[in-house]
Amino acid sequence: MGRATIKGIAAAAGVSTATVDRALNGRPGVSSANRQRVLVAARDLGYLPSEGMVLLPSKPAELEFLVPFDHNAFMSDIIAYLTEFAASLPLVKSCKVTPLSGIGPKALTAALENLSLYTQGVGIIATDHVENRRSITALCDAGVRVVTLASDIPDTPRSAYVGMDNHVAGKTAARLMGMSHRARRGKIAVFLGSHDYHGHREREAGFREVMSRKYPNLKLLSAIEAGEDNYRLQDITERLLECHPNLQGIYCIGAGRKGIVAATNGVASEKRPFIVMHDLTKNSAAWLAENRIDAVVDQNARLVAEQAIIRLLGSIATGTPLLPTIHVEPRIILAENLPTPRDAMSQRGR
């Protein structure tokens, strides 16, 4: 029997050739049901995508994801989407999600030591620490494929990074902050989880670059590392509001966002600092709707999770583990363009 074709897979799956192309390349716009039909048909027909497309393994693969802060809303969404999408793919034999006990290298090392011997691909969200780089290098040298999610760990042989260009995300946040104030003078607070996260450093650098060049009327305060701690961020924000009555804005790079909202809850809306955060979750969507924050720069947790699995499968299938970087484009979410319940249901079908 000759090599299967896109048309043959489309006919077997009962979908269009465009749907087959999107499904095999891991692009959005395909329901979970149709994606599964395509992958089952491709598997049954013995098809692997041609050069220039994402290769898929010929046998179901065992994957594991190591994720910190499983109590964090964004991380919880990532975990839910990883689990849901993996369950819909016949080419994923198993997908285990392991919460890391912290952000330090000891937490990642301990998790890697407990990996199953059958694990073929690992997705990691971790800090850019020298020990973590060594651990990832050793894992890749052992033949396990690795992708990083949300925050990259460069200078490692990982197969791909899946997430936003965080430098661009920081510049986007700065544009929102600066345009909201124009010629007004004042101070801007910057909070992040840890400078050890490559993504947090990149967001801060992009934010400062645009703010200093385009909005010199707004003075950036020294960035504060809050360790993703809500209570600490609430205390810090309350003190900043007392010490800086002309605090015009707050840029929250990481988590701990509940603390900021709690601290500014009693401030009249016309006097509240302009607040920009990252990642659209149930909490941040509610805060936008209630006018408790002003803008969210979102990286689409569902798309990050789905692309992480697709990229892992692709790296397992190919003899060349390094895949080209394709960034998730940041989305600007305001109260006026919050996804409706119907939109949310549509996203769940992607």
C-alpha atoms as a PDB file:
ATOM      1  CA  MET A   1       0.000   0.000   0.000  1.00  0.00           C
ATOM      2  CA  GLY A   2       1.338   3.465  -0.907  1.00  0.00           C
ATOM      3  CA  ARG A   3       2.048   6.218   1.576  1.00  0.00           C
ATOM      4  CA  ALA A   4      -1.066   7.790   3.032  1.00  0.00           C
ATOM      5  CA  THR A   5      -1.949  11.327   1.961  1.00  0.00           C
ATOM      6  CA  ILE A   6      -3.644  14.303   3.585  1.00  0.00           C
ATOM      7  CA  LYS A   7      -6.674  13.641   1.355  1.00  0.00           C
ATOM      8  CA  GLY A   8      -6.748  10.011   2.445  1.00  0.00           C
ATOM      9  CA  ILE A   9      -6.631  10.936   6.115  1.00  0.00           C
ATOM     10  CA  ALA A  10      -9.355  13.551   5.587  1.00  0.00           C
ATOM     11  CA  ALA A  11     -11.585  10.962   3.911  1.00  0.00           C
ATOM     12  CA  ALA A  12     -10.964   8.382   6.653  1.00  0.00           C
ATOM     13  CA  ALA A  13     -11.609  10.910   9.422  1.00  0.00           C
ATOM     14  CA  GLY A  14     -14.587  12.536   7.705  1.00  0.00           C
ATOM     15  CA  VAL A  15     -13.113  16.046   7.913  1.00  0.00           C
ATOM     16  CA  SER A  16     -11.631  18.585   5.505  1.00  0.00           C
ATOM     17  CA  THR A  17      -8.000  18.576   4.374  1.00  0.00           C
ATOM     18  CA  ALA A  18      -7.594  21.968   6.107  1.00  0.00           C
ATOM     19  CA  THR A  19      -8.682  20.386   9.395  1.00  0.00           C
ATOM     20  CA  VAL A  20      -6.170  17.569   8.886  1.00  0.00           C
ATOM     21  CA  ASP A  21      -3.394  20.079   8.246  1.00  0.00           C
ATOM     22  CA  ARG A  22      -4.245  22.078  11.393  1.00  0.00           C
ATOM     23  CA  ALA A  23      -4.545  18.963  13.554  1.00  0.00           C
ATOM     24  CA  LEU A  24      -1.237  17.442  12.442  1.00  0.00           C
ATOM     25  CA  ASN A  25       0.553  20.746  12.965  1.00  0.00           C
ATOM     26  CA  GLY A  26      -0.995  21.384  16.383  1.00  0.00           C
ATOM     27  CA  ARG A  27      -2.582  24.655  15.306  1.00  0.00           C
ATOM     28  CA  PRO A  28      -5.758  26.084  16.881  1.00  0.00           C
ATOM     29  CA  GLY A  29      -9.165  25.951  15.235  1.00  0.00           C
ATOM     30  CA  VAL A  30      -9.744  22.204  15.575  1.00  0.00           C
ATOM     31  CA  SER A  31     -12.104  20.631  18.095  1.00  0.00           C
ATOM     32  CA  SER A  32     -10.758  17.906  20.359  1.00  0.00           C
ATOM     33  CA  ALA A  33     -13.089  15.396  18.685  1.00  0.00           C
ATOM     34  CA  ASN A  34     -11.886  16.234  15.184  1.00  0.00           C
ATOM     35  CA  ARG A  35      -8.258  16.281  16.281  1.00  0.00           C
ATOM     36  CA  GLN A  36      -8.679  12.794  17.710  1.00  0.00           C
ATOM     37  CA  ARG A  37     -10.378  11.562  14.514  1.00  0.00           C
ATOM     38  CA  VAL A  38      -7.467  12.892  12.455  1.00  0.00           C
ATOM     39  CA  LEU A  39      -4.780  11.357  14.661  1.00  0.00           C
ATOM     40  CA  VAL A  40      -6.541   8.002  14.789  1.00  0.00           C
ATOM     41  CA  ALA A  41      -6.886   7.991  10.993  1.00  0.00           C
ATOM     42  CA  ALA A  42      -3.238   9.030  10.577  1.00  0.00           C
ATOM     43  CA  ARG A  43      -2.130   6.272  12.916  1.00  0.00           C
ATOM     44  CA  ASP A  44      -4.284   3.622  11.246  1.00  0.00           C
ATOM     45  CA  LEU A  45      -3.021   4.623   7.804  1.00  0.00           C
ATOM     46  CA  GLY A  46       0.597   4.552   8.955  1.00  0.00           C
ATOM     47  CA  TYR A  47       1.057   8.214   8.156  1.00  0.00           C
ATOM     48  CA  LEU A  48       3.740  10.545   9.462  1.00  0.00           C
ATOM     49  CA  PRO A  49       3.586  14.192   8.352  1.00  0.00           C
ATOM     50  CA  SER A  50       6.020  15.248   5.657  1.00  0.00           C
ATOM     51  CA  GLU A  51       9.064  17.497   6.043  1.00  0.00           C
ATOM     52  CA  GLY A  52       8.216  20.949   7.334  1.00  0.00           C
ATOM     53  CA  MET A  53       5.315  19.663   9.468  1.00  0.00           C
ATOM     54  CA  VAL A  54       5.307  18.434  13.057  1.00  0.00           C
ATOM     55  CA  LEU A  55       6.257  14.767  13.042  1.00  0.00           C
ATOM     56  CA  LEU A  56       4.269  12.426  15.245  1.00  0.00           C
ATOM     57  CA  PRO A  57       5.613   9.258  16.860  1.00  0.00           C
ATOM     58  CA  SER A  58       4.549   5.922  15.411  1.00  0.00           C
ATOM     59  CA  LYS A  59       3.747   4.560  18.880  1.00  0.00           C
ATOM     60  CA  PRO A  60       1.935   6.175  21.837  1.00  0.00           C
ATOM     61  CA  ALA A  61       4.362   8.040  24.095  1.00  0.00           C
ATOM     62  CA  GLU A  62       4.625   8.442  27.863  1.00  0.00           C
ATOM     63  CA  LEU A  63       4.886  12.070  28.982  1.00  0.00           C
ATOM     64  CA  GLU A  64       5.373  13.846  32.278  1.00  0.00           C
ATOM     65  CA  PHE A  65       5.067  17.514  33.228  1.00  0.00           C
ATOM     66  CA  LEU A  66       6.745  19.169  36.217  1.00  0.00           C
ATOM     67  CA  VAL A  67       4.813  22.243  37.341  1.00  0.00           C
ATOM     68  CA  PRO A  68       5.353  24.508  40.393  1.00  0.00           C
ATOM     69  CA  PHE A  69       2.611  26.238  42.358  1.00  0.00           C
ATOM     70  CA  ASP A  70      -0.233  23.879  41.496  1.00  0.00           C
ATOM     71  CA  HIS A  71      -2.415  26.101  43.743  1.00  0.00           C
ATOM     72  CA  ASN A  72      -1.736  29.076  41.454  1.00  0.00           C
ATOM     73  CA  ALA A  73      -4.682  29.789  39.114  1.00  0.00           C
ATOM     74  CA  PHE A  74      -2.610  29.906  35.923  1.00  0.00           C
ATOM     75  CA  MET A  75      -0.676  26.757  36.827  1.00  0.00           C
ATOM     76  CA  SER A  76      -3.931  25.014  37.735  1.00  0.00           C
ATOM     77  CA  ASP A  77      -5.292  25.897  34.299  1.00  0.00           C
ATOM     78  CA  ILE A  78      -2.131  24.566  32.642  1.00  0.00           C
ATOM     79  CA  ILE A  79      -2.467  21.292  34.544  1.00  0.00           C
ATOM     80  CA  ALA A  80      -6.162  20.936  33.643  1.00  0.00           C
ATOM     81  CA  TYR A  81      -5.548  21.629  29.959  1.00  0.00           C
ATOM     82  CA  LEU A  82      -2.550  19.270  29.805  1.00  0.00           C
ATOM     83  CA  THR A  83      -4.603  16.473  31.315  1.00  0.00           C
ATOM     84  CA  GLU A  84      -7.650  17.121  29.119  1.00  0.00           C
ATOM     85  CA  PHE A  85      -5.736  17.390  25.847  1.00  0.00           C
ATOM     86  CA  ALA A  86      -3.504  14.384  26.538  1.00  0.00           C
ATOM     87  CA  ALA A  87      -6.573  12.261  27.243  1.00  0.00           C
ATOM     88  CA  SER A  88      -7.936  13.135  23.787  1.00  0.00           C
ATOM     89  CA  LEU A  89      -4.842  11.987  21.905  1.00  0.00           C
ATOM     90  CA  PRO A  90      -4.325   8.342  20.983  1.00  0.00           C
ATOM     91  CA  LEU A  91      -0.606   9.052  20.582  1.00  0.00           C
ATOM     92  CA  VAL A  92      -0.282   9.834  24.309  1.00  0.00           C
ATOM     93  CA  LYS A  93      -0.080   6.589  26.261  1.00  0.00           C
ATOM     94  CA  SER A  94       0.135   8.377  29.608  1.00  0.00           C
ATOM     95  CA  CYS A  95       0.516  11.937  30.838  1.00  0.00           C
ATOM     96  CA  LYS A  96       1.514  12.468  34.454  1.00  0.00           C
ATOM     97  CA  VAL A  97       1.615  15.920  36.038  1.00  0.00           C
ATOM     98  CA  THR A  98       3.912  16.279  39.052  1.00  0.00           C
ATOM     99  CA  PRO A  99       3.691  19.438  41.206  1.00  0.00           C
ATOM    100  CA  LEU A 100       7.138  20.714  42.189  1.00  0.00           C
ATOM    101  CA  SER A 101       7.651  21.334  45.893  1.00  0.00           C
ATOM    102  CA  GLY A 102       9.235  24.752  45.247  1.00  0.00           C
ATOM    103  CA  ILE A 103      11.023  26.878  42.653  1.00  0.00           C
ATOM    104  CA  GLY A 104      14.584  26.044  43.679  1.00  0.00           C
ATOM    105  CA  PRO A 105      16.825  23.499  41.920  1.00  0.00           C
ATOM    106  CA  LYS A 106      16.342  20.931  44.687  1.00  0.00           C
ATOM    107  CA  ALA A 107      12.648  20.660  43.817  1.00  0.00           C
ATOM    108  CA  LEU A 108      13.359  19.975  40.138  1.00  0.00           C
ATOM    109  CA  THR A 109      16.193  17.553  40.923  1.00  0.00           C
ATOM    110  CA  ALA A 110      13.963  15.560  43.265  1.00  0.00           C
ATOM    111  CA  ALA A 111      11.189  15.357  40.670  1.00  0.00           C
ATOM    112  CA  LEU A 112      13.566  14.258  37.917  1.00  0.00           C
ATOM    113  CA  GLU A 113      15.008  11.531  40.139  1.00  0.00           C
ATOM    114  CA  ASN A 114      11.503  10.090  40.460  1.00  0.00           C
ATOM    115  CA  LEU A 115      10.711  10.053  36.748  1.00  0.00           C
ATOM    116  CA  SER A 116       9.421   6.784  35.379  1.00  0.00           C
ATOM    117  CA  LEU A 117      12.017   4.837  33.406  1.00  0.00           C
ATOM    118  CA  TYR A 118       9.477   4.698  30.573  1.00  0.00           C
ATOM    119  CA  THR A 119       9.008   8.480  30.318  1.00  0.00           C
ATOM    120  CA  GLN A 120       9.967   9.695  26.841  1.00  0.00           C
ATOM    121  CA  GLY A 121       9.162  13.388  27.086  1.00  0.00           C
ATOM    122  CA  VAL A 122       9.124  15.908  29.936  1.00  0.00           C
ATOM    123  CA  GLY A 123       7.597  19.385  30.071  1.00  0.00           C
ATOM    124  CA  ILE A 124       9.121  21.717  32.650  1.00  0.00           C
ATOM    125  CA  ILE A 125       8.245  25.045  34.258  1.00  0.00           C
ATOM    126  CA  ALA A 126      11.229  25.962  36.412  1.00  0.00           C
ATOM    127  CA  THR A 127      13.732  28.693  37.219  1.00  0.00           C
ATOM    128  CA  ASP A 128      16.731  29.485  35.055  1.00  0.00           C
ATOM    129  CA  HIS A 129      19.298  28.202  37.566  1.00  0.00           C
ATOM    130  CA  VAL A 130      22.685  26.653  36.776  1.00  0.00           C
ATOM    131  CA  GLU A 131      21.727  23.440  38.574  1.00  0.00           C
ATOM    132  CA  ASN A 132      18.461  23.224  36.649  1.00  0.00           C
ATOM    133  CA  ARG A 133      20.362  23.676  33.397  1.00  0.00           C
ATOM    134  CA  ARG A 134      22.675  20.824  34.363  1.00  0.00           C
ATOM    135  CA  SER A 135      19.722  18.610  35.263  1.00  0.00           C
ATOM    136  CA  ILE A 136      17.980  19.280  31.948  1.00  0.00           C
ATOM    137  CA  THR A 137      21.193  18.669  30.015  1.00  0.00           C
ATOM    138  CA  ALA A 138      21.693  15.338  31.782  1.00  0.00           C
ATOM    139  CA  LEU A 139      18.083  14.365  31.062  1.00  0.00           C
ATOM    140  CA  CYS A 140      18.434  15.198  27.375  1.00  0.00           C
ATOM    141  CA  ASP A 141      21.754  13.347  27.195  1.00  0.00           C
ATOM    142  CA  ALA A 142      19.889  10.289  28.482  1.00  0.00           C
ATOM    143  CA  GLY A 143      17.591  10.475  25.450  1.00  0.00           C
ATOM    144  CA  VAL A 144      14.544  12.068  27.094  1.00  0.00           C
ATOM    145  CA  ARG A 145      12.987  14.944  25.170  1.00  0.00           C
ATOM    146  CA  VAL A 146      12.318  18.165  27.092  1.00  0.00           C
ATOM    147  CA  VAL A 147      10.229  21.266  26.424  1.00  0.00           C
ATOM    148  CA  THR A 148       9.994  24.312  28.667  1.00  0.00           C
ATOM    149  CA  LEU A 149       6.653  26.058  29.234  1.00  0.00           C
ATOM    150  CA  ALA A 150       5.765  29.689  30.029  1.00  0.00           C
ATOM    151  CA  SER A 151       9.315  30.571  31.144  1.00  0.00           C
ATOM    152  CA  ASP A 152      12.287  29.338  29.139  1.00  0.00           C
ATOM    153  CA  ILE A 153      15.525  27.829  30.397  1.00  0.00           C
ATOM    154  CA  PRO A 154      17.943  28.756  27.599  1.00  0.00           C
ATOM    155  CA  ASP A 155      21.439  27.336  27.083  1.00  0.00           C
ATOM    156  CA  THR A 156      20.085  23.809  27.472  1.00  0.00           C
ATOM    157  CA  PRO A 157      19.476  21.113  24.832  1.00  0.00           C
ATOM    158  CA  ARG A 158      15.711  21.249  25.413  1.00  0.00           C
ATOM    159  CA  SER A 159      13.727  20.612  22.236  1.00  0.00           C
ATOM    160  CA  ALA A 160      11.540  23.707  22.353  1.00  0.00           C
ATOM    161  CA  TYR A 161      10.179  26.551  24.446  1.00  0.00           C
ATOM    162  CA  VAL A 162       6.378  26.921  24.430  1.00  0.00           C
ATOM    163  CA  GLY A 163       4.919  30.243  25.507  1.00  0.00           C
ATOM    164  CA  MET A 164       5.001  33.962  24.813  1.00  0.00           C
ATOM    165  CA  ASP A 165       8.043  35.968  23.932  1.00  0.00           C
ATOM    166  CA  ASN A 166       8.168  37.395  27.446  1.00  0.00           C
ATOM    167  CA  HIS A 167      10.237  40.412  26.433  1.00  0.00           C
ATOM    168  CA  VAL A 168       7.482  41.357  23.980  1.00  0.00           C
ATOM    169  CA  ALA A 169       4.868  40.682  26.676  1.00  0.00           C
ATOM    170  CA  GLY A 170       6.616  43.150  29.003  1.00  0.00           C
ATOM    171  CA  LYS A 171       6.771  45.766  26.250  1.00  0.00           C
ATOM    172  CA  THR A 172       3.058  45.227  25.612  1.00  0.00           C
ATOM    173  CA  ALA A 173       2.282  45.805  29.301  1.00  0.00           C
ATOM    174  CA  ALA A 174       4.346  49.009  29.203  1.00  0.00           C
ATOM    175  CA  ARG A 175       2.374  50.329  26.249  1.00  0.00           C
ATOM    176  CA  LEU A 176      -0.870  49.748  28.103  1.00  0.00           C
ATOM    177  CA  MET A 177       0.498  51.430  31.231  1.00  0.00           C
ATOM    178  CA  GLY A 178       1.969  54.403  29.391  1.00  0.00           C
ATOM    179  CA  MET A 179      -1.045  55.080  27.179  1.00  0.00           C
ATOM    180  CA  SER A 180      -3.313  55.081  30.204  1.00  0.00           C
ATOM    181  CA  HIS A 181      -1.381  57.993  31.756  1.00  0.00           C
ATOM    182  CA  ARG A 182      -0.102  60.010  28.779  1.00  0.00           C
ATOM    183  CA  ALA A 183       1.599  63.143  30.215  1.00  0.00           C
ATOM    184  CA  ARG A 184       0.592  62.495  33.821  1.00  0.00           C
ATOM    185  CA  ARG A 185       3.467  62.206  36.281  1.00  0.00           C
ATOM    186  CA  GLY A 186       3.770  59.613  38.982  1.00  0.00           C
ATOM    187  CA  LYS A 187       5.350  56.354  40.068  1.00  0.00           C
ATOM    188  CA  ILE A 188       4.890  52.790  38.883  1.00  0.00           C
ATOM    189  CA  ALA A 189       5.372  49.703  41.063  1.00  0.00           C
ATOM    190  CA  VAL A 190       6.709  46.487  39.551  1.00  0.00           C
ATOM    191  CA  PHE A 191       6.153  43.117  41.251  1.00  0.00           C
ATOM    192  CA  LEU A 192       7.550  39.776  40.151  1.00  0.00           C
ATOM    193  CA  GLY A 193       7.786  36.291  41.574  1.00  0.00           C
ATOM    194  CA  SER A 194      11.530  35.770  41.194  1.00  0.00           C
ATOM    195  CA  HIS A 195      14.364  37.037  39.013  1.00  0.00           C
ATOM    196  CA  ASP A 196      15.364  33.375  38.796  1.00  0.00           C
ATOM    197  CA  TYR A 197      12.544  32.902  36.287  1.00  0.00           C
ATOM    198  CA  HIS A 198      13.866  33.767  32.840  1.00  0.00           C
ATOM    199  CA  GLY A 199      10.366  34.831  31.791  1.00  0.00           C
ATOM    200  CA  HIS A 200      10.037  37.260  34.698  1.00  0.00           C
ATOM    201  CA  ARG A 201      13.397  38.867  33.910  1.00  0.00           C
ATOM    202  CA  GLU A 202      12.414  39.198  30.262  1.00  0.00           C
ATOM    203  CA  ARG A 203       9.057  40.790  31.083  1.00  0.00           C
ATOM    204  CA  GLU A 204      10.662  43.312  33.417  1.00  0.00           C
ATOM    205  CA  ALA A 205      13.351  44.181  30.858  1.00  0.00           C
ATOM    206  CA  GLY A 206      10.782  44.729  28.114  1.00  0.00           C
ATOM    207  CA  PHE A 207       8.597  46.811  30.418  1.00  0.00           C
ATOM    208  CA  ARG A 208      11.469  49.039  31.532  1.00  0.00           C
ATOM    209  CA  GLU A 209      12.735  49.455  27.984  1.00  0.00           C
ATOM    210  CA  VAL A 210       9.480  50.915  26.694  1.00  0.00           C
ATOM    211  CA  MET A 211       8.648  52.901  29.825  1.00  0.00           C
ATOM    212  CA  SER A 212      12.035  54.663  29.947  1.00  0.00           C
ATOM    213  CA  ARG A 213      12.036  55.417  26.214  1.00  0.00           C
ATOM    214  CA  LYS A 214       8.423  56.493  25.688  1.00  0.00           C
ATOM    215  CA  TYR A 215       7.083  57.501  29.094  1.00  0.00           C
ATOM    216  CA  PRO A 216       9.847  59.245  31.087  1.00  0.00           C
ATOM    217  CA  ASN A 217       7.163  61.108  33.041  1.00  0.00           C
ATOM    218  CA  LEU A 218       6.454  57.879  34.909  1.00  0.00           C
ATOM    219  CA  LYS A 219       9.141  56.800  37.377  1.00  0.00           C
ATOM    220  CA  LEU A 220       9.576  53.064  37.865  1.00  0.00           C
ATOM    221  CA  LEU A 221      10.218  51.953  41.415  1.00  0.00           C
ATOM    222  CA  SER A 222      12.703  49.146  42.060  1.00  0.00           C
ATOM    223  CA  ALA A 223      11.190  45.767  41.227  1.00  0.00           C
ATOM    224  CA  ILE A 224      10.040  43.785  44.242  1.00  0.00           C
ATOM    225  CA  GLU A 225      10.363  39.989  44.333  1.00  0.00           C
ATOM    226  CA  ALA A 226       7.380  38.677  46.271  1.00  0.00           C
ATOM    227  CA  GLY A 227       7.845  34.953  45.714  1.00  0.00           C
ATOM    228  CA  GLU A 228       4.263  34.554  44.415  1.00  0.00           C
ATOM    229  CA  ASP A 229       3.017  35.153  47.989  1.00  0.00           C
ATOM    230  CA  ASN A 230      -0.441  36.771  48.151  1.00  0.00           C
ATOM    231  CA  TYR A 231      -0.167  37.882  51.781  1.00  0.00           C
ATOM    232  CA  ARG A 232       3.262  39.396  51.262  1.00  0.00           C
ATOM    233  CA  LEU A 233       2.111  41.245  48.162  1.00  0.00           C
ATOM    234  CA  GLN A 234      -0.907  42.613  50.002  1.00  0.00           C
ATOM    235  CA  ASP A 235       1.309  43.960  52.781  1.00  0.00           C
ATOM    236  CA  ILE A 236       3.824  45.441  50.323  1.00  0.00           C
ATOM    237  CA  THR A 237       1.097  47.060  48.216  1.00  0.00           C
ATOM    238  CA  GLU A 238      -0.581  48.611  51.248  1.00  0.00           C
ATOM    239  CA  ARG A 239       2.736  50.121  52.358  1.00  0.00           C
ATOM    240  CA  LEU A 240       3.479  51.450  48.880  1.00  0.00           C
ATOM    241  CA  LEU A 241       0.077  53.142  48.732  1.00  0.00           C
ATOM    242  CA  GLU A 242       0.848  54.851  52.038  1.00  0.00           C
ATOM    243  CA  CYS A 243       4.390  55.893  51.102  1.00  0.00           C
ATOM    244  CA  HIS A 244       3.640  56.950  47.525  1.00  0.00           C
ATOM    245  CA  PRO A 245       0.333  58.843  47.283  1.00  0.00           C
ATOM    246  CA  ASN A 246       1.146  59.494  43.599  1.00  0.00           C
ATOM    247  CA  LEU A 247       1.436  55.799  42.766  1.00  0.00           C
ATOM    248  CA  GLN A 248      -0.076  55.753  39.295  1.00  0.00           C
ATOM    249  CA  GLY A 249       0.315  52.143  38.279  1.00  0.00           C
ATOM    250  CA  ILE A 250       1.107  48.579  39.303  1.00  0.00           C
ATOM    251  CA  TYR A 251       2.610  46.010  36.962  1.00  0.00           C
ATOM    252  CA  CYS A 252       2.340  42.462  38.297  1.00  0.00           C
ATOM    253  CA  ILE A 253       4.670  40.178  36.342  1.00  0.00           C
ATOM    254  CA  GLY A 254       3.949  36.938  38.182  1.00  0.00           C
ATOM    255  CA  ALA A 255       1.484  35.521  40.667  1.00  0.00           C
ATOM    256  CA  GLY A 256       0.396  36.726  44.114  1.00  0.00           C
ATOM    257  CA  ARG A 257      -2.229  38.809  42.375  1.00  0.00           C
ATOM    258  CA  LYS A 258      -4.916  38.335  45.004  1.00  0.00           C
ATOM    259  CA  GLY A 259      -2.774  40.321  47.419  1.00  0.00           C
ATOM    260  CA  ILE A 260      -2.681  43.329  45.113  1.00  0.00           C
ATOM    261  CA  VAL A 261      -6.436  43.254  44.573  1.00  0.00           C
ATOM    262  CA  ALA A 262      -7.047  42.928  48.312  1.00  0.00           C
ATOM    263  CA  ALA A 263      -4.767  45.892  49.058  1.00  0.00           C
ATOM    264  CA  THR A 264      -6.400  48.176  46.479  1.00  0.00           C
ATOM    265  CA  ASN A 265      -9.957  47.053  47.173  1.00  0.00           C
ATOM    266  CA  GLY A 266     -10.712  49.983  49.468  1.00  0.00           C
ATOM    267  CA  VAL A 267      -9.267  52.626  47.145  1.00  0.00           C
ATOM    268  CA  ALA A 268     -11.797  54.685  45.173  1.00  0.00           C
ATOM    269  CA  SER A 269     -11.775  53.709  41.501  1.00  0.00           C
ATOM    270  CA  GLU A 270     -10.701  57.181  40.368  1.00  0.00           C
ATOM    271  CA  LYS A 271      -7.701  57.048  42.725  1.00  0.00           C
ATOM    272  CA  ARG A 272      -6.747  53.406  42.280  1.00  0.00           C
ATOM    273  CA  PRO A 273      -3.475  52.767  40.448  1.00  0.00           C
ATOM    274  CA  PHE A 274      -3.802  51.399  36.920  1.00  0.00           C
ATOM    275  CA  ILE A 275      -3.170  47.658  37.288  1.00  0.00           C
ATOM    276  CA  VAL A 276      -1.763  45.412  34.557  1.00  0.00           C
ATOM    277  CA  MET A 277      -1.392  41.672  35.162  1.00  0.00           C
ATOM    278  CA  HIS A 278      -0.583  38.540  33.187  1.00  0.00           C
ATOM    279  CA  ASP A 279      -2.725  35.489  32.390  1.00  0.00           C
ATOM    280  CA  LEU A 280      -6.479  35.297  32.069  1.00  0.00           C
ATOM    281  CA  THR A 281      -7.963  33.027  34.736  1.00  0.00           C
ATOM    282  CA  LYS A 282     -11.356  32.907  36.428  1.00  0.00           C
ATOM    283  CA  ASN A 283     -10.019  35.297  39.072  1.00  0.00           C
ATOM    284  CA  SER A 284      -8.485  37.850  36.726  1.00  0.00           C
ATOM    285  CA  ALA A 285     -11.569  37.736  34.482  1.00  0.00           C
ATOM    286  CA  ALA A 286     -13.771  38.519  37.479  1.00  0.00           C
ATOM    287  CA  TRP A 287     -11.475  41.363  38.564  1.00  0.00           C
ATOM    288  CA  LEU A 288     -11.637  42.894  35.087  1.00  0.00           C
ATOM    289  CA  ALA A 289     -15.421  42.651  35.059  1.00  0.00           C
ATOM    290  CA  GLU A 290     -15.615  44.247  38.512  1.00  0.00           C
ATOM    291  CA  ASN A 291     -13.199  47.088  37.598  1.00  0.00           C
ATOM    292  CA  ARG A 292     -10.667  45.954  40.200  1.00  0.00           C
ATOM    293  CA  ILE A 293      -7.873  45.655  37.637  1.00  0.00           C
ATOM    294  CA  ASP A 294      -7.513  47.235  34.204  1.00  0.00           C
ATOM    295  CA  ALA A 295      -5.763  44.941  31.723  1.00  0.00           C
ATOM    296  CA  VAL A 296      -4.429  41.405  31.356  1.00  0.00           C
ATOM    297  CA  VAL A 297      -1.672  40.340  28.965  1.00  0.00           C
ATOM    298  CA  ASP A 298      -2.593  36.721  28.371  1.00  0.00           C
ATOM    299  CA  GLN A 299      -0.609  33.842  26.876  1.00  0.00           C
ATOM    300  CA  ASN A 300      -3.568  31.447  26.524  1.00  0.00           C
ATOM    301  CA  ALA A 301      -2.967  28.598  28.957  1.00  0.00           C
ATOM    302  CA  ARG A 302      -4.928  26.142  26.804  1.00  0.00           C
ATOM    303  CA  LEU A 303      -2.814  26.827  23.718  1.00  0.00           C
ATOM    304  CA  VAL A 304       0.423  26.603  25.733  1.00  0.00           C
ATOM    305  CA  ALA A 305      -0.616  23.224  27.154  1.00  0.00           C
ATOM    306  CA  GLU A 306      -1.715  21.808  23.798  1.00  0.00           C
ATOM    307  CA  GLN A 307       1.384  23.051  21.997  1.00  0.00           C
ATOM    308  CA  ALA A 308       3.636  21.645  24.731  1.00  0.00           C
ATOM    309  CA  ILE A 309       2.215  18.156  24.161  1.00  0.00           C
ATOM    310  CA  ILE A 310       2.390  18.472  20.374  1.00  0.00           C
ATOM    311  CA  ARG A 311       5.983  19.708  20.529  1.00  0.00           C
ATOM    312  CA  LEU A 312       6.987  16.899  22.861  1.00  0.00           C
ATOM    313  CA  LEU A 313       5.443  14.335  20.530  1.00  0.00           C
ATOM    314  CA  GLY A 314       7.195  15.974  17.616  1.00  0.00           C
ATOM    315  CA  SER A 315      10.574  15.924  19.327  1.00  0.00           C
ATOM    316  CA  ILE A 316      10.128  12.246  20.234  1.00  0.00           C
ATOM    317  CA  ALA A 317       9.325  11.389  16.620  1.00  0.00           C
ATOM    318  CA  THR A 318      12.319  13.105  15.048  1.00  0.00           C
ATOM    319  CA  GLY A 319      15.998  12.279  15.231  1.00  0.00           C
ATOM    320  CA  THR A 320      16.774  15.987  15.593  1.00  0.00           C
ATOM    321  CA  PRO A 321      15.363  17.025  18.972  1.00  0.00           C
ATOM    322  CA  LEU A 322      15.702  20.802  18.511  1.00  0.00           C
ATOM    323  CA  LEU A 323      12.497  22.250  17.042  1.00  0.00           C
ATOM    324  CA  PRO A 324      12.044  25.806  15.730  1.00  0.00           C
ATOM    325  CA  THR A 325      10.609  28.276  18.233  1.00  0.00           C
ATOM    326  CA  ILE A 326       7.045  29.407  17.551  1.00  0.00           C
ATOM    327  CA  HIS A 327       5.907  31.884  20.196  1.00  0.00           C
ATOM    328  CA  VAL A 328       2.334  32.120  21.451  1.00  0.00           C
ATOM    329  CA  GLU A 329       1.141  35.631  20.643  1.00  0.00           C
ATOM    330  CA  PRO A 330       0.120  37.699  23.692  1.00  0.00           C
ATOM    331  CA  ARG A 331      -3.539  38.676  23.908  1.00  0.00           C
ATOM    332  CA  ILE A 332      -4.642  41.982  25.454  1.00  0.00           C
ATOM    333  CA  ILE A 333      -7.770  41.350  27.526  1.00  0.00           C
ATOM    334  CA  LEU A 334      -9.868  44.229  28.859  1.00  0.00           C
ATOM    335  CA  ALA A 335     -13.265  44.311  30.528  1.00  0.00           C
ATOM    336  CA  GLU A 336     -14.763  45.159  27.135  1.00  0.00           C
ATOM    337  CA  ASN A 337     -13.464  42.045  25.351  1.00  0.00           C
ATOM    338  CA  LEU A 338     -13.707  39.424  28.066  1.00  0.00           C
ATOM    339  CA  PRO A 339     -14.574  36.014  26.599  1.00  0.00           C
ATOM    340  CA  THR A 340     -18.288  35.273  26.935  1.00  0.00           C
ATOM    341  CA  PRO A 341     -19.495  31.895  28.239  1.00  0.00           C
ATOM    342  CA  ARG A 342     -20.058  30.859  24.607  1.00  0.00           C
ATOM    343  CA  ASP A 343     -16.482  31.876  23.724  1.00  0.00           C
ATOM    344  CA  ALA A 344     -15.205  29.882  26.677  1.00  0.00           C
ATOM    345  CA  MET A 345     -17.091  26.811  25.508  1.00  0.00           C
ATOM    346  CA  SER A 346     -15.617  27.289  22.038  1.00  0.00           C
ATOM    347  CA  GLN A 347     -12.126  27.477  23.501  1.00  0.00           C
ATOM    348  CA  ARG A 348     -12.734  24.218  25.320  1.00  0.00           C
ATOM    349  CA  GLY A 349     -13.332  22.625  21.949  1.00  0.00           C
ATOM    350  CA  ARG A 350      -9.912  23.691  20.685  1.00  0.00           C
END
